[in-house]
Amino acid sequence: MMHHTAIRVRGYHLDVFQHVNNARYLEFLEEARWSYFEDTGLTPLFLDVGLGMAVVNININYRRGAVLNDDLVVRTRFESVQQRNAVLAQEIVLKGSDTVVADAKIVFVAVDQKAGRAVAFDGALKAKLDELVAAV
């Protein structure tokens, strides 16, 4: 399932060169991930069983600079789910076009909040993740 999150570039997103600072793109991606997890019902599936999410790897490609008042759309989808990690594909595009501003692959794990260690995906959470991968 492809999820869309709209973001407008504001002045505080810009650096001295008047384009979005590279670190801000990571914030845009994170905002979209939270929105995706909330809208698909994943957040309670983690929290109800005492799990958190931890990003273990991000690979991002910057394709085009975004500037003040650009309307962006972050497209988010699950690419794959393994036993102990999952990969999300995200793409930031200019709204109303296919112009890619940045794209990224994010690998995350489920963390047992009491034990403080990564655990396997299972039960209802694993079933929901598999459903989202299949819905692409």
C-alpha atoms as a PDB file:
ATOM      1  CA  MET A   1       0.000   0.000   0.000  1.00  0.00           C
ATOM      2  CA  MET A   2       1.426   3.334  -1.061  1.00  0.00           C
ATOM      3  CA  HIS A   3       0.865   6.063   1.514  1.00  0.00           C
ATOM      4  CA  HIS A   4       1.130   9.800   0.795  1.00  0.00           C
ATOM      5  CA  THR A   5       2.125  12.550   3.226  1.00  0.00           C
ATOM      6  CA  ALA A   6       2.053  16.208   2.154  1.00  0.00           C
ATOM      7  CA  ILE A   7       4.738  18.612   3.367  1.00  0.00           C
ATOM      8  CA  ARG A   8       5.202  22.278   2.522  1.00  0.00           C
ATOM      9  CA  VAL A   9       8.746  23.622   2.628  1.00  0.00           C
ATOM     10  CA  ARG A  10       8.982  26.405   5.206  1.00  0.00           C
ATOM     11  CA  GLY A  11      11.729  28.920   5.900  1.00  0.00           C
ATOM     12  CA  TYR A  12      13.044  27.000   8.901  1.00  0.00           C
ATOM     13  CA  HIS A  13      13.704  23.985   6.637  1.00  0.00           C
ATOM     14  CA  LEU A  14      16.238  25.982   4.597  1.00  0.00           C
ATOM     15  CA  ASP A  15      19.953  26.380   5.054  1.00  0.00           C
ATOM     16  CA  VAL A  16      22.167  29.337   4.197  1.00  0.00           C
ATOM     17  CA  PHE A  17      22.062  28.291   0.514  1.00  0.00           C
ATOM     18  CA  GLN A  18      18.247  28.693   0.503  1.00  0.00           C
ATOM     19  CA  HIS A  19      17.411  25.060  -0.160  1.00  0.00           C
ATOM     20  CA  VAL A  20      16.250  22.335   2.195  1.00  0.00           C
ATOM     21  CA  ASN A  21      19.109  21.197   4.402  1.00  0.00           C
ATOM     22  CA  ASN A  22      20.001  17.523   3.944  1.00  0.00           C
ATOM     23  CA  ALA A  23      19.148  16.674   7.567  1.00  0.00           C
ATOM     24  CA  ARG A  24      15.622  18.051   7.113  1.00  0.00           C
ATOM     25  CA  TYR A  25      14.870  15.415   4.479  1.00  0.00           C
ATOM     26  CA  LEU A  26      15.367  12.790   7.186  1.00  0.00           C
ATOM     27  CA  GLU A  27      12.757  14.634   9.274  1.00  0.00           C
ATOM     28  CA  PHE A  28      10.342  14.693   6.321  1.00  0.00           C
ATOM     29  CA  LEU A  29      10.807  10.947   5.914  1.00  0.00           C
ATOM     30  CA  GLU A  30      10.265  10.345   9.622  1.00  0.00           C
ATOM     31  CA  GLU A  31       7.085  12.434   9.655  1.00  0.00           C
ATOM     32  CA  ALA A  32       5.763  10.364   6.756  1.00  0.00           C
ATOM     33  CA  ARG A  33       6.657   7.083   8.493  1.00  0.00           C
ATOM     34  CA  TRP A  34       4.759   8.103  11.628  1.00  0.00           C
ATOM     35  CA  SER A  35       1.763   9.096   9.513  1.00  0.00           C
ATOM     36  CA  TYR A  36       1.908   5.793   7.615  1.00  0.00           C
ATOM     37  CA  PHE A  37       2.135   3.716  10.794  1.00  0.00           C
ATOM     38  CA  GLU A  38      -0.762   5.620  12.366  1.00  0.00           C
ATOM     39  CA  ASP A  39      -2.991   5.479   9.275  1.00  0.00           C
ATOM     40  CA  THR A  40      -2.443   1.746   8.747  1.00  0.00           C
ATOM     41  CA  GLY A  41      -2.979   0.805  12.410  1.00  0.00           C
ATOM     42  CA  LEU A  42       0.599  -0.369  12.945  1.00  0.00           C
ATOM     43  CA  THR A  43       1.368   1.910  15.897  1.00  0.00           C
ATOM     44  CA  PRO A  44      -0.979   0.167  18.357  1.00  0.00           C
ATOM     45  CA  LEU A  45       0.181  -3.247  17.131  1.00  0.00           C
ATOM     46  CA  PHE A  46       3.669  -2.324  18.317  1.00  0.00           C
ATOM     47  CA  LEU A  47       2.672  -0.518  21.508  1.00  0.00           C
ATOM     48  CA  ASP A  48       0.070  -3.041  22.684  1.00  0.00           C
ATOM     49  CA  VAL A  49       2.734  -5.756  22.951  1.00  0.00           C
ATOM     50  CA  GLY A  50       5.455  -3.527  24.424  1.00  0.00           C
ATOM     51  CA  LEU A  51       7.461  -3.048  21.257  1.00  0.00           C
ATOM     52  CA  GLY A  52       9.151   0.004  19.856  1.00  0.00           C
ATOM     53  CA  MET A  53      10.666   0.663  16.459  1.00  0.00           C
ATOM     54  CA  ALA A  54      14.337   1.362  15.844  1.00  0.00           C
ATOM     55  CA  VAL A  55      15.848   2.467  12.565  1.00  0.00           C
ATOM     56  CA  VAL A  56      19.083   0.560  11.984  1.00  0.00           C
ATOM     57  CA  ASN A  57      19.981   1.823   8.512  1.00  0.00           C
ATOM     58  CA  ILE A  58      18.990   4.629   6.143  1.00  0.00           C
ATOM     59  CA  ASN A  59      20.256   5.011   2.604  1.00  0.00           C
ATOM     60  CA  ILE A  60      19.131   8.251   1.002  1.00  0.00           C
ATOM     61  CA  ASN A  61      19.697   9.723  -2.442  1.00  0.00           C
ATOM     62  CA  TYR A  62      19.288  13.465  -2.934  1.00  0.00           C
ATOM     63  CA  ARG A  63      18.036  14.064  -6.479  1.00  0.00           C
ATOM     64  CA  ARG A  64      16.928  17.714  -6.619  1.00  0.00           C
ATOM     65  CA  GLY A  65      16.953  20.615  -4.196  1.00  0.00           C
ATOM     66  CA  ALA A  66      13.654  21.694  -2.666  1.00  0.00           C
ATOM     67  CA  VAL A  67      13.116  25.378  -1.963  1.00  0.00           C
ATOM     68  CA  LEU A  68      10.791  27.674  -0.025  1.00  0.00           C
ATOM     69  CA  ASN A  69       7.073  26.971  -0.566  1.00  0.00           C
ATOM     70  CA  ASP A  70       7.624  23.791  -2.584  1.00  0.00           C
ATOM     71  CA  ASP A  71       4.775  21.389  -1.953  1.00  0.00           C
ATOM     72  CA  LEU A  72       6.191  17.919  -1.489  1.00  0.00           C
ATOM     73  CA  VAL A  73       4.617  14.507  -1.216  1.00  0.00           C
ATOM     74  CA  VAL A  74       6.354  11.688   0.617  1.00  0.00           C
ATOM     75  CA  ARG A  75       5.372   8.297  -0.769  1.00  0.00           C
ATOM     76  CA  THR A  76       5.878   5.470   1.718  1.00  0.00           C
ATOM     77  CA  ARG A  77       5.456   1.724   1.318  1.00  0.00           C
ATOM     78  CA  PHE A  78       6.823  -1.492   2.739  1.00  0.00           C
ATOM     79  CA  GLU A  79       9.266  -3.148   0.398  1.00  0.00           C
ATOM     80  CA  SER A  80       9.980  -6.291   2.402  1.00  0.00           C
ATOM     81  CA  VAL A  81       9.599  -7.924   5.783  1.00  0.00           C
ATOM     82  CA  GLN A  82      12.001 -10.513   7.112  1.00  0.00           C
ATOM     83  CA  GLN A  83      11.887 -12.329  10.432  1.00  0.00           C
ATOM     84  CA  ARG A  84      13.811  -9.632  12.324  1.00  0.00           C
ATOM     85  CA  ASN A  85      13.770  -6.525  10.112  1.00  0.00           C
ATOM     86  CA  ALA A  86      11.646  -4.680   7.607  1.00  0.00           C
ATOM     87  CA  VAL A  87      12.480  -2.334   4.753  1.00  0.00           C
ATOM     88  CA  LEU A  88      10.455   0.743   3.899  1.00  0.00           C
ATOM     89  CA  ALA A  89      10.878   2.513   0.565  1.00  0.00           C
ATOM     90  CA  GLN A  90      10.236   6.250   0.617  1.00  0.00           C
ATOM     91  CA  GLU A  91      10.270   8.807  -2.134  1.00  0.00           C
ATOM     92  CA  ILE A  92       9.863  12.573  -1.889  1.00  0.00           C
ATOM     93  CA  VAL A  93       8.382  14.144  -5.029  1.00  0.00           C
ATOM     94  CA  LEU A  94       7.191  17.583  -6.046  1.00  0.00           C
ATOM     95  CA  LYS A  95       3.419  17.592  -5.646  1.00  0.00           C
ATOM     96  CA  GLY A  96       1.558  17.069  -8.898  1.00  0.00           C
ATOM     97  CA  SER A  97       4.580  15.641 -10.692  1.00  0.00           C
ATOM     98  CA  ASP A  98       6.919  12.681 -10.816  1.00  0.00           C
ATOM     99  CA  THR A  99       9.941  14.884 -10.130  1.00  0.00           C
ATOM    100  CA  VAL A 100      11.884  13.038  -7.442  1.00  0.00           C
ATOM    101  CA  VAL A 101      13.534  15.223  -4.826  1.00  0.00           C
ATOM    102  CA  ALA A 102      14.944  12.339  -2.759  1.00  0.00           C
ATOM    103  CA  ASP A 103      14.444   8.629  -2.267  1.00  0.00           C
ATOM    104  CA  ALA A 104      15.445   6.347   0.580  1.00  0.00           C
ATOM    105  CA  LYS A 105      15.432   2.812   1.935  1.00  0.00           C
ATOM    106  CA  ILE A 106      14.919   2.532   5.682  1.00  0.00           C
ATOM    107  CA  VAL A 107      15.619  -0.682   7.587  1.00  0.00           C
ATOM    108  CA  PHE A 108      14.058  -0.985  11.014  1.00  0.00           C
ATOM    109  CA  VAL A 109      13.628  -3.588  13.731  1.00  0.00           C
ATOM    110  CA  ALA A 110      11.114  -4.196  16.499  1.00  0.00           C
ATOM    111  CA  VAL A 111      12.600  -3.627  19.943  1.00  0.00           C
ATOM    112  CA  ASP A 112      11.284  -5.167  23.158  1.00  0.00           C
ATOM    113  CA  GLN A 113      11.009  -2.038  25.304  1.00  0.00           C
ATOM    114  CA  LYS A 114      11.608  -3.877  28.590  1.00  0.00           C
ATOM    115  CA  ALA A 115      14.509  -6.036  27.435  1.00  0.00           C
ATOM    116  CA  GLY A 116      15.982  -3.329  25.199  1.00  0.00           C
ATOM    117  CA  ARG A 117      16.793  -5.713  22.362  1.00  0.00           C
ATOM    118  CA  ALA A 118      15.550  -6.476  18.882  1.00  0.00           C
ATOM    119  CA  VAL A 119      12.980  -9.250  18.562  1.00  0.00           C
ATOM    120  CA  ALA A 120      11.354 -11.151  15.710  1.00  0.00           C
ATOM    121  CA  PHE A 121       8.147  -9.918  14.134  1.00  0.00           C
ATOM    122  CA  ASP A 122       5.306 -12.296  14.984  1.00  0.00           C
ATOM    123  CA  GLY A 123       1.561 -12.606  15.585  1.00  0.00           C
ATOM    124  CA  ALA A 124      -0.798  -9.856  14.477  1.00  0.00           C
ATOM    125  CA  LEU A 125       2.085  -7.481  13.850  1.00  0.00           C
ATOM    126  CA  LYS A 126       3.801  -9.843  11.393  1.00  0.00           C
ATOM    127  CA  ALA A 127       0.476 -10.548   9.670  1.00  0.00           C
ATOM    128  CA  LYS A 128      -0.177  -6.815   9.215  1.00  0.00           C
ATOM    129  CA  LEU A 129       3.336  -6.186   7.883  1.00  0.00           C
ATOM    130  CA  ASP A 130       2.963  -9.048   5.384  1.00  0.00           C
ATOM    131  CA  GLU A 131      -0.414  -7.611   4.316  1.00  0.00           C
ATOM    132  CA  LEU A 132       1.128  -4.187   3.694  1.00  0.00           C
ATOM    133  CA  VAL A 133       3.983  -5.647   1.629  1.00  0.00           C
ATOM    134  CA  ALA A 134       1.502  -7.614  -0.470  1.00  0.00           C
ATOM    135  CA  ALA A 135      -0.698  -4.533  -1.030  1.00  0.00           C
ATOM    136  CA  VAL A 136       1.932  -2.766  -3.134  1.00  0.00           C
END
